[in-house]
Every structure is written in structure tokens, then in C-alpha cells.
Amino acid sequence: MNTGIVKDRPLFILAIDHRVDFLRELIGAQEGLPTAAERERAAQLKQVAYEGIVKAIEEGLPKSHAGIWTDTDLGEAVLLRARQMSLATAFSV
């Protein structure tokens, strides 16, 4: 039986935080819905994390070993860019 598991090809998944704590602790958002500016800042920080995996690929990490996991709300741009690079993607809503 072929399980699809390849032991010599690890997959490194960059999980970009999507919890409310991300907005509160890194952005300083208060209770309730984040403002438009806070949402934009959070999306920018997710982009910084994405750039880190791009740098790892430039430095030799095979694309087939890299993936991104983030939310579809603030991380949609990151997911789209990762898919354009043929990276594995996963998302939460």
C-alpha cells in the first residue's frame, strides 16, 4: 500500500497566526472588532512572515518542502502569492 508519505522529503509549514491574540499582542488592538488600520497592519505582518519563507527558498529550501498556513481573512494575499509560487497552502476561516 502506498501511503503517500515520503520520509526523505519533509514539508515545512509556516503557520502565520490568525487568532485574536495576534491582533491584540502584536498590533495592540483593543477588545471588539479591529479597526481598518489594525487589520491592514496585521495583513502587512503576515506578508513579512511570507517574505521569510521566500528568502528560505532563495537560500536553497526546495519549494516542494515549503508551505504556508494562514487565515483567509487577513492572510488572503499571502495565500494567493504562495499558490502562484506553487507552494503547499492551508487555511483556516
PDB file of N, CA and C in Angstrom:
ATOM      1  N   MET A   1       0.834  -1.175   0.000  1.00  0.00           N
ATOM      2  CA  MET A   1       0.000   0.000   0.000  1.00  0.00           C
ATOM      3  C   MET A   1       0.883   1.244   0.000  1.00  0.00           C
ATOM      4  N   ASN A   2       0.540   2.213  -0.805  1.00  0.00           N
ATOM      5  CA  ASN A   2       1.275   3.469  -0.871  1.00  0.00           C
ATOM      6  C   ASN A   2       0.538   4.503  -0.035  1.00  0.00           C
ATOM      7  N   THR A   3       1.185   4.966   1.032  1.00  0.00           N
ATOM      8  CA  THR A   3       0.547   5.939   1.923  1.00  0.00           C
ATOM      9  C   THR A   3       0.780   7.372   1.466  1.00  0.00           C
ATOM     10  N   GLY A   4       1.667   7.597   0.522  1.00  0.00           N
ATOM     11  CA  GLY A   4       1.966   8.947   0.072  1.00  0.00           C
ATOM     12  C   GLY A   4       2.995   9.649   0.938  1.00  0.00           C
ATOM     13  N   ILE A   5       3.459   8.994   1.996  1.00  0.00           N
ATOM     14  CA  ILE A   5       4.448   9.597   2.887  1.00  0.00           C
ATOM     15  C   ILE A   5       5.835   9.389   2.292  1.00  0.00           C
ATOM     16  N   VAL A   6       6.570  10.482   2.199  1.00  0.00           N
ATOM     17  CA  VAL A   6       7.938  10.418   1.698  1.00  0.00           C
ATOM     18  C   VAL A   6       8.839  10.883   2.828  1.00  0.00           C
ATOM     19  N   LYS A   7       9.570   9.950   3.428  1.00  0.00           N
ATOM     20  CA  LYS A   7      10.359  10.261   4.619  1.00  0.00           C
ATOM     21  C   LYS A   7      11.548  11.168   4.340  1.00  0.00           C
ATOM     22  N   ASP A   8      12.070  11.158   3.124  1.00  0.00           N
ATOM     23  CA  ASP A   8      13.246  11.985   2.844  1.00  0.00           C
ATOM     24  C   ASP A   8      12.863  13.342   2.266  1.00  0.00           C
ATOM     25  N   ARG A   9      11.576  13.662   2.247  1.00  0.00           N
ATOM     26  CA  ARG A   9      11.125  14.967   1.759  1.00  0.00           C
ATOM     27  C   ARG A   9      10.227  15.614   2.796  1.00  0.00           C
ATOM     28  N   PRO A  10      10.817  16.204   3.823  1.00  0.00           N
ATOM     29  CA  PRO A  10       9.984  16.836   4.846  1.00  0.00           C
ATOM     30  C   PRO A  10       9.246  18.052   4.272  1.00  0.00           C
ATOM     31  N   LEU A  11       8.132  18.387   4.879  1.00  0.00           N
ATOM     32  CA  LEU A  11       7.375  19.567   4.485  1.00  0.00           C
ATOM     33  C   LEU A  11       7.376  20.538   5.653  1.00  0.00           C
ATOM     34  N   PHE A  12       7.943  21.700   5.446  1.00  0.00           N
ATOM     35  CA  PHE A  12       8.000  22.735   6.461  1.00  0.00           C
ATOM     36  C   PHE A  12       6.834  23.692   6.233  1.00  0.00           C
ATOM     37  N   ILE A  13       5.928  23.755   7.193  1.00  0.00           N
ATOM     38  CA  ILE A  13       4.756  24.614   7.089  1.00  0.00           C
ATOM     39  C   ILE A  13       4.968  25.850   7.952  1.00  0.00           C
ATOM     40  N   LEU A  14       4.887  27.010   7.343  1.00  0.00           N
ATOM     41  CA  LEU A  14       4.942  28.265   8.080  1.00  0.00           C
ATOM     42  C   LEU A  14       3.513  28.617   8.470  1.00  0.00           C
ATOM     43  N   ALA A  15       3.221  28.534   9.754  1.00  0.00           N
ATOM     44  CA  ALA A  15       1.890  28.879  10.251  1.00  0.00           C
ATOM     45  C   ALA A  15       1.894  30.343  10.663  1.00  0.00           C
ATOM     46  N   ILE A  16       1.091  31.132   9.981  1.00  0.00           N
ATOM     47  CA  ILE A  16       1.002  32.558  10.283  1.00  0.00           C
ATOM     48  C   ILE A  16      -0.236  32.759  11.146  1.00  0.00           C
ATOM     49  N   ASP A  17      -0.018  33.196  12.356  1.00  0.00           N
ATOM     50  CA  ASP A  17      -1.060  33.268  13.384  1.00  0.00           C
ATOM     51  C   ASP A  17      -2.312  33.997  12.888  1.00  0.00           C
ATOM     52  N   HIS A  18      -3.463  33.448  13.249  1.00  0.00           N
ATOM     53  CA  HIS A  18      -4.726  34.040  12.836  1.00  0.00           C
ATOM     54  C   HIS A  18      -5.658  34.301  14.020  1.00  0.00           C
ATOM     55  N   ARG A  19      -5.162  34.078  15.217  1.00  0.00           N
ATOM     56  CA  ARG A  19      -6.008  34.240  16.392  1.00  0.00           C
ATOM     57  C   ARG A  19      -6.167  35.710  16.765  1.00  0.00           C
ATOM     58  N   VAL A  20      -7.147  35.969  17.585  1.00  0.00           N
ATOM     59  CA  VAL A  20      -7.386  37.326  18.073  1.00  0.00           C
ATOM     60  C   VAL A  20      -6.167  37.814  18.840  1.00  0.00           C
ATOM     61  N   ASP A  21      -5.471  36.915  19.530  1.00  0.00           N
ATOM     62  CA  ASP A  21      -4.269  37.304  20.279  1.00  0.00           C
ATOM     63  C   ASP A  21      -3.239  37.963  19.374  1.00  0.00           C
ATOM     64  N   PHE A  22      -3.160  37.530  18.129  1.00  0.00           N
ATOM     65  CA  PHE A  22      -2.232  38.129  17.168  1.00  0.00           C
ATOM     66  C   PHE A  22      -2.511  39.623  17.050  1.00  0.00           C
ATOM     67  N   LEU A  23      -3.765  39.966  16.908  1.00  0.00           N
ATOM     68  CA  LEU A  23      -4.138  41.374  16.789  1.00  0.00           C
ATOM     69  C   LEU A  23      -3.894  42.138  18.082  1.00  0.00           C
ATOM     70  N   ARG A  24      -4.192  41.516  19.189  1.00  0.00           N
ATOM     71  CA  ARG A  24      -4.037  42.208  20.473  1.00  0.00           C
ATOM     72  C   ARG A  24      -2.574  42.372  20.865  1.00  0.00           C
ATOM     73  N   GLU A  25      -1.804  41.295  20.777  1.00  0.00           N
ATOM     74  CA  GLU A  25      -0.436  41.322  21.273  1.00  0.00           C
ATOM     75  C   GLU A  25       0.548  42.003  20.325  1.00  0.00           C
ATOM     76  N   LEU A  26       0.412  41.784  19.042  1.00  0.00           N
ATOM     77  CA  LEU A  26       1.360  42.371  18.109  1.00  0.00           C
ATOM     78  C   LEU A  26       0.930  43.723  17.559  1.00  0.00           C
ATOM     79  N   ILE A  27      -0.357  43.917  17.423  1.00  0.00           N
ATOM     80  CA  ILE A  27      -0.867  45.150  16.843  1.00  0.00           C
ATOM     81  C   ILE A  27      -1.332  46.122  17.917  1.00  0.00           C
ATOM     82  N   GLY A  28      -1.722  45.590  19.073  1.00  0.00           N
ATOM     83  CA  GLY A  28      -2.241  46.430  20.146  1.00  0.00           C
ATOM     84  C   GLY A  28      -3.724  46.708  20.011  1.00  0.00           C
ATOM     85  N   ALA A  29      -4.441  45.865  19.266  1.00  0.00           N
ATOM     86  CA  ALA A  29      -5.881  46.049  19.098  1.00  0.00           C
ATOM     87  C   ALA A  29      -6.583  45.878  20.441  1.00  0.00           C
ATOM     88  N   GLN A  30      -7.630  46.642  20.632  1.00  0.00           N
ATOM     89  CA  GLN A  30      -8.423  46.568  21.849  1.00  0.00           C
ATOM     90  C   GLN A  30      -9.537  45.548  21.667  1.00  0.00           C
ATOM     91  N   GLU A  31     -10.319  45.334  22.711  1.00  0.00           N
ATOM     92  CA  GLU A  31     -11.470  44.425  22.645  1.00  0.00           C
ATOM     93  C   GLU A  31     -12.409  44.874  21.532  1.00  0.00           C
ATOM     94  N   GLY A  32     -13.144  43.931  20.988  1.00  0.00           N
ATOM     95  CA  GLY A  32     -14.084  44.252  19.924  1.00  0.00           C
ATOM     96  C   GLY A  32     -13.438  44.070  18.559  1.00  0.00           C
ATOM     97  N   LEU A  33     -14.087  44.583  17.566  1.00  0.00           N
ATOM     98  CA  LEU A  33     -13.585  44.445  16.201  1.00  0.00           C
ATOM     99  C   LEU A  33     -12.376  45.339  15.970  1.00  0.00           C
ATOM    100  N   PRO A  34     -11.362  44.823  15.274  1.00  0.00           N
ATOM    101  CA  PRO A  34     -10.199  45.662  14.979  1.00  0.00           C
ATOM    102  C   PRO A  34     -10.569  46.742  13.970  1.00  0.00           C
ATOM    103  N   THR A  35      -9.865  47.860  14.066  1.00  0.00           N
ATOM    104  CA  THR A  35     -10.091  48.954  13.120  1.00  0.00           C
ATOM    105  C   THR A  35      -9.502  48.577  11.764  1.00  0.00           C
ATOM    106  N   ALA A  36      -9.825  49.346  10.766  1.00  0.00           N
ATOM    107  CA  ALA A  36      -9.280  49.114   9.425  1.00  0.00           C
ATOM    108  C   ALA A  36      -7.755  49.226   9.445  1.00  0.00           C
ATOM    109  N   ALA A  37      -7.231  50.170  10.189  1.00  0.00           N
ATOM    110  CA  ALA A  37      -5.774  50.352  10.271  1.00  0.00           C
ATOM    111  C   ALA A  37      -5.119  49.147  10.952  1.00  0.00           C
ATOM    112  N   GLU A  38      -5.745  48.617  11.993  1.00  0.00           N
ATOM    113  CA  GLU A  38      -5.207  47.439  12.679  1.00  0.00           C
ATOM    114  C   GLU A  38      -5.243  46.219  11.768  1.00  0.00           C
ATOM    115  N   ARG A  39      -6.306  46.070  11.016  1.00  0.00           N
ATOM    116  CA  ARG A  39      -6.405  44.958  10.069  1.00  0.00           C
ATOM    117  C   ARG A  39      -5.330  45.063   8.986  1.00  0.00           C
ATOM    118  N   GLU A  40      -5.100  46.262   8.501  1.00  0.00           N
ATOM    119  CA  GLU A  40      -4.068  46.468   7.469  1.00  0.00           C
ATOM    120  C   GLU A  40      -2.689  46.146   8.031  1.00  0.00           C
ATOM    121  N   ARG A  41      -2.409  46.569   9.241  1.00  0.00           N
ATOM    122  CA  ARG A  41      -1.107  46.293   9.881  1.00  0.00           C
ATOM    123  C   ARG A  41      -0.919  44.786  10.069  1.00  0.00           C
ATOM    124  N   ALA A  42      -1.966  44.090  10.486  1.00  0.00           N
ATOM    125  CA  ALA A  42      -1.885  42.640  10.664  1.00  0.00           C
ATOM    126  C   ALA A  42      -1.588  41.958   9.329  1.00  0.00           C
ATOM    127  N   ALA A  43      -2.252  42.396   8.270  1.00  0.00           N
ATOM    128  CA  ALA A  43      -2.014  41.824   6.944  1.00  0.00           C
ATOM    129  C   ALA A  43      -0.568  42.081   6.508  1.00  0.00           C
ATOM    130  N   GLN A  44      -0.035  43.252   6.826  1.00  0.00           N
ATOM    131  CA  GLN A  44       1.358  43.564   6.493  1.00  0.00           C
ATOM    132  C   GLN A  44       2.318  42.650   7.243  1.00  0.00           C
ATOM    133  N   LEU A  45       2.042  42.369   8.503  1.00  0.00           N
ATOM    134  CA  LEU A  45       2.905  41.475   9.276  1.00  0.00           C
ATOM    135  C   LEU A  45       2.871  40.055   8.724  1.00  0.00           C
ATOM    136  N   LYS A  46       1.729  39.626   8.244  1.00  0.00           N
ATOM    137  CA  LYS A  46       1.633  38.303   7.612  1.00  0.00           C
ATOM    138  C   LYS A  46       2.489  38.273   6.355  1.00  0.00           C
ATOM    139  N   GLN A  47       2.548  39.393   5.652  1.00  0.00           N
ATOM    140  CA  GLN A  47       3.383  39.494   4.458  1.00  0.00           C
ATOM    141  C   GLN A  47       4.864  39.371   4.823  1.00  0.00           C
ATOM    142  N   VAL A  48       5.261  39.943   5.953  1.00  0.00           N
ATOM    143  CA  VAL A  48       6.651  39.840   6.409  1.00  0.00           C
ATOM    144  C   VAL A  48       7.004  38.370   6.657  1.00  0.00           C
ATOM    145  N   ALA A  49       6.107  37.637   7.286  1.00  0.00           N
ATOM    146  CA  ALA A  49       6.346  36.213   7.528  1.00  0.00           C
ATOM    147  C   ALA A  49       6.469  35.463   6.206  1.00  0.00           C
ATOM    148  N   TYR A  50       5.616  35.785   5.253  1.00  0.00           N
ATOM    149  CA  TYR A  50       5.677  35.160   3.928  1.00  0.00           C
ATOM    150  C   TYR A  50       7.031  35.442   3.268  1.00  0.00           C
ATOM    151  N   GLU A  51       7.497  36.655   3.373  1.00  0.00           N
ATOM    152  CA  GLU A  51       8.796  37.008   2.783  1.00  0.00           C
ATOM    153  C   GLU A  51       9.916  36.167   3.381  1.00  0.00           C
ATOM    154  N   GLY A  52       9.760  35.760   4.639  1.00  0.00           N
ATOM    155  CA  GLY A  52      10.744  34.889   5.270  1.00  0.00           C
ATOM    156  C   GLY A  52      10.839  33.540   4.582  1.00  0.00           C
ATOM    157  N   ILE A  53       9.708  32.969   4.209  1.00  0.00           N
ATOM    158  CA  ILE A  53       9.753  31.676   3.523  1.00  0.00           C
ATOM    159  C   ILE A  53      10.279  31.847   2.100  1.00  0.00           C
ATOM    160  N   VAL A  54       9.979  32.971   1.477  1.00  0.00           N
ATOM    161  CA  VAL A  54      10.534  33.252   0.145  1.00  0.00           C
ATOM    162  C   VAL A  54      12.056  33.320   0.237  1.00  0.00           C
ATOM    163  N   LYS A  55      12.559  33.957   1.262  1.00  0.00           N
ATOM    164  CA  LYS A  55      14.012  34.056   1.472  1.00  0.00           C
ATOM    165  C   LYS A  55      14.617  32.668   1.686  1.00  0.00           C
ATOM    166  N   ALA A  56      13.937  31.819   2.460  1.00  0.00           N
ATOM    167  CA  ALA A  56      14.432  30.458   2.680  1.00  0.00           C
ATOM    168  C   ALA A  56      14.513  29.697   1.361  1.00  0.00           C
ATOM    169  N   ILE A  57      13.546  29.889   0.490  1.00  0.00           N
ATOM    170  CA  ILE A  57      13.562  29.240  -0.823  1.00  0.00           C
ATOM    171  C   ILE A  57      14.715  29.780  -1.658  1.00  0.00           C
ATOM    172  N   GLU A  58      14.913  31.086  -1.616  1.00  0.00           N
ATOM    173  CA  GLU A  58      16.045  31.688  -2.345  1.00  0.00           C
ATOM    174  C   GLU A  58      17.379  31.149  -1.842  1.00  0.00           C
ATOM    175  N   GLU A  59      17.422  30.793  -0.559  1.00  0.00           N
ATOM    176  CA  GLU A  59      18.647  30.282   0.056  1.00  0.00           C
ATOM    177  C   GLU A  59      18.804  28.775  -0.090  1.00  0.00           C
ATOM    178  N   GLY A  60      17.851  28.118  -0.769  1.00  0.00           N
ATOM    179  CA  GLY A  60      18.034  26.704  -1.050  1.00  0.00           C
ATOM    180  C   GLY A  60      16.958  25.745  -0.589  1.00  0.00           C
ATOM    181  N   LEU A  61      15.979  26.196   0.189  1.00  0.00           N
ATOM    182  CA  LEU A  61      14.894  25.304   0.588  1.00  0.00           C
ATOM    183  C   LEU A  61      14.057  24.986  -0.650  1.00  0.00           C
ATOM    184  N   PRO A  62      13.927  23.723  -1.013  1.00  0.00           N
ATOM    185  CA  PRO A  62      13.116  23.385  -2.189  1.00  0.00           C
ATOM    186  C   PRO A  62      11.649  23.782  -1.985  1.00  0.00           C
ATOM    187  N   LYS A  63      11.039  24.314  -3.016  1.00  0.00           N
ATOM    188  CA  LYS A  63       9.621  24.685  -2.928  1.00  0.00           C
ATOM    189  C   LYS A  63       8.755  23.501  -2.513  1.00  0.00           C
ATOM    190  N   SER A  64       9.151  22.322  -2.935  1.00  0.00           N
ATOM    191  CA  SER A  64       8.366  21.129  -2.606  1.00  0.00           C
ATOM    192  C   SER A  64       8.409  20.799  -1.116  1.00  0.00           C
ATOM    193  N   HIS A  65       9.274  21.473  -0.367  1.00  0.00           N
ATOM    194  CA  HIS A  65       9.404  21.246   1.071  1.00  0.00           C
ATOM    195  C   HIS A  65       8.796  22.387   1.880  1.00  0.00           C
ATOM    196  N   ALA A  66       8.159  23.350   1.223  1.00  0.00           N
ATOM    197  CA  ALA A  66       7.679  24.545   1.915  1.00  0.00           C
ATOM    198  C   ALA A  66       6.181  24.711   1.744  1.00  0.00           C
ATOM    199  N   GLY A  67       5.539  25.225   2.786  1.00  0.00           N
ATOM    200  CA  GLY A  67       4.114  25.501   2.722  1.00  0.00           C
ATOM    201  C   GLY A  67       3.733  26.626   3.659  1.00  0.00           C
ATOM    202  N   ILE A  68       2.546  27.170   3.437  1.00  0.00           N
ATOM    203  CA  ILE A  68       2.016  28.292   4.223  1.00  0.00           C
ATOM    204  C   ILE A  68       0.653  27.900   4.767  1.00  0.00           C
ATOM    205  N   TRP A  69       0.403  28.248   6.025  1.00  0.00           N
ATOM    206  CA  TRP A  69      -0.914  28.070   6.626  1.00  0.00           C
ATOM    207  C   TRP A  69      -1.285  29.385   7.291  1.00  0.00           C
ATOM    208  N   THR A  70      -2.392  29.962   6.888  1.00  0.00           N
ATOM    209  CA  THR A  70      -2.866  31.202   7.491  1.00  0.00           C
ATOM    210  C   THR A  70      -4.380  31.295   7.305  1.00  0.00           C
ATOM    211  N   ASP A  71      -4.942  32.405   7.707  1.00  0.00           N
ATOM    212  CA  ASP A  71      -6.381  32.598   7.583  1.00  0.00           C
ATOM    213  C   ASP A  71      -6.728  33.190   6.218  1.00  0.00           C
ATOM    214  N   THR A  72      -7.987  33.036   5.833  1.00  0.00           N
ATOM    215  CA  THR A  72      -8.426  33.570   4.546  1.00  0.00           C
ATOM    216  C   THR A  72      -8.846  35.024   4.654  1.00  0.00           C
ATOM    217  N   ASP A  73      -8.958  35.538   5.852  1.00  0.00           N
ATOM    218  CA  ASP A  73      -9.373  36.924   6.034  1.00  0.00           C
ATOM    219  C   ASP A  73      -8.186  37.866   5.835  1.00  0.00           C
ATOM    220  N   LEU A  74      -7.305  37.917   6.795  1.00  0.00           N
ATOM    221  CA  LEU A  74      -6.167  38.834   6.718  1.00  0.00           C
ATOM    222  C   LEU A  74      -4.988  38.259   5.938  1.00  0.00           C
ATOM    223  N   GLY A  75      -4.996  36.953   5.712  1.00  0.00           N
ATOM    224  CA  GLY A  75      -3.871  36.322   5.031  1.00  0.00           C
ATOM    225  C   GLY A  75      -4.142  35.944   3.579  1.00  0.00           C
ATOM    226  N   GLU A  76      -5.237  36.413   3.027  1.00  0.00           N
ATOM    227  CA  GLU A  76      -5.599  36.021   1.660  1.00  0.00           C
ATOM    228  C   GLU A  76      -4.508  36.368   0.652  1.00  0.00           C
ATOM    229  N   ALA A  77      -3.918  37.544   0.744  1.00  0.00           N
ATOM    230  CA  ALA A  77      -2.873  37.939  -0.205  1.00  0.00           C
ATOM    231  C   ALA A  77      -1.677  37.001  -0.109  1.00  0.00           C
ATOM    232  N   VAL A  78      -1.332  36.590   1.096  1.00  0.00           N
ATOM    233  CA  VAL A  78      -0.217  35.666   1.294  1.00  0.00           C
ATOM    234  C   VAL A  78      -0.545  34.308   0.660  1.00  0.00           C
ATOM    235  N   LEU A  79      -1.756  33.825   0.880  1.00  0.00           N
ATOM    236  CA  LEU A  79      -2.155  32.550   0.280  1.00  0.00           C
ATOM    237  C   LEU A  79      -2.098  32.602  -1.243  1.00  0.00           C
ATOM    238  N   LEU A  80      -2.578  33.680  -1.822  1.00  0.00           N
ATOM    239  CA  LEU A  80      -2.566  33.819  -3.283  1.00  0.00           C
ATOM    240  C   LEU A  80      -1.140  33.850  -3.828  1.00  0.00           C
ATOM    241  N   ARG A  81      -0.267  34.592  -3.165  1.00  0.00           N
ATOM    242  CA  ARG A  81       1.125  34.660  -3.617  1.00  0.00           C
ATOM    243  C   ARG A  81       1.816  33.309  -3.473  1.00  0.00           C
ATOM    244  N   ALA A  82       1.526  32.601  -2.379  1.00  0.00           N
ATOM    245  CA  ALA A  82       2.129  31.280  -2.174  1.00  0.00           C
ATOM    246  C   ALA A  82       1.662  30.306  -3.256  1.00  0.00           C
ATOM    247  N   ARG A  83       0.392  30.361  -3.591  1.00  0.00           N
ATOM    248  CA  ARG A  83      -0.130  29.482  -4.647  1.00  0.00           C
ATOM    249  C   ARG A  83       0.503  29.806  -5.993  1.00  0.00           C
ATOM    250  N   GLN A  84       0.752  31.086  -6.254  1.00  0.00           N
ATOM    251  CA  GLN A  84       1.415  31.464  -7.504  1.00  0.00           C
ATOM    252  C   GLN A  84       2.817  30.895  -7.578  1.00  0.00           C
ATOM    253  N   MET A  85       3.438  30.688  -6.417  1.00  0.00           N
ATOM    254  CA  MET A  85       4.781  30.106  -6.358  1.00  0.00           C
ATOM    255  C   MET A  85       4.740  28.581  -6.317  1.00  0.00           C
ATOM    256  N   SER A  86       3.548  28.008  -6.384  1.00  0.00           N
ATOM    257  CA  SER A  86       3.331  26.563  -6.306  1.00  0.00           C
ATOM    258  C   SER A  86       3.739  25.981  -4.951  1.00  0.00           C
ATOM    259  N   LEU A  87       3.531  26.734  -3.894  1.00  0.00           N
ATOM    260  CA  LEU A  87       3.771  26.234  -2.548  1.00  0.00           C
ATOM    261  C   LEU A  87       2.511  25.546  -2.043  1.00  0.00           C
ATOM    262  N   ALA A  88       2.678  24.616  -1.145  1.00  0.00           N
ATOM    263  CA  ALA A  88       1.533  23.999  -0.485  1.00  0.00           C
ATOM    264  C   ALA A  88       0.888  25.064   0.385  1.00  0.00           C
ATOM    265  N   THR A  89      -0.439  25.092   0.396  1.00  0.00           N
ATOM    266  CA  THR A  89      -1.134  26.070   1.233  1.00  0.00           C
ATOM    267  C   THR A  89      -2.240  25.375   2.016  1.00  0.00           C
ATOM    268  N   ALA A  90      -2.505  25.928   3.190  1.00  0.00           N
ATOM    269  CA  ALA A  90      -3.623  25.504   4.021  1.00  0.00           C
ATOM    270  C   ALA A  90      -4.167  26.757   4.661  1.00  0.00           C
ATOM    271  N   PHE A  91      -5.452  26.748   4.943  1.00  0.00           N
ATOM    272  CA  PHE A  91      -6.044  27.944   5.529  1.00  0.00           C
ATOM    273  C   PHE A  91      -7.108  27.585   6.540  1.00  0.00           C
ATOM    274  N   SER A  92      -7.393  28.562   7.377  1.00  0.00           N
ATOM    275  CA  SER A  92      -8.485  28.450   8.329  1.00  0.00           C
ATOM    276  C   SER A  92      -9.384  29.664   8.098  1.00  0.00           C
ATOM    277  N   VAL A  93     -10.621  29.511   8.421  1.00  0.00           N
ATOM    278  CA  VAL A  93     -11.566  30.614   8.219  1.00  0.00           C
ATOM    279  C   VAL A  93     -11.916  31.272   9.517  1.00  0.00           C
TER     280      VAL A  93
END
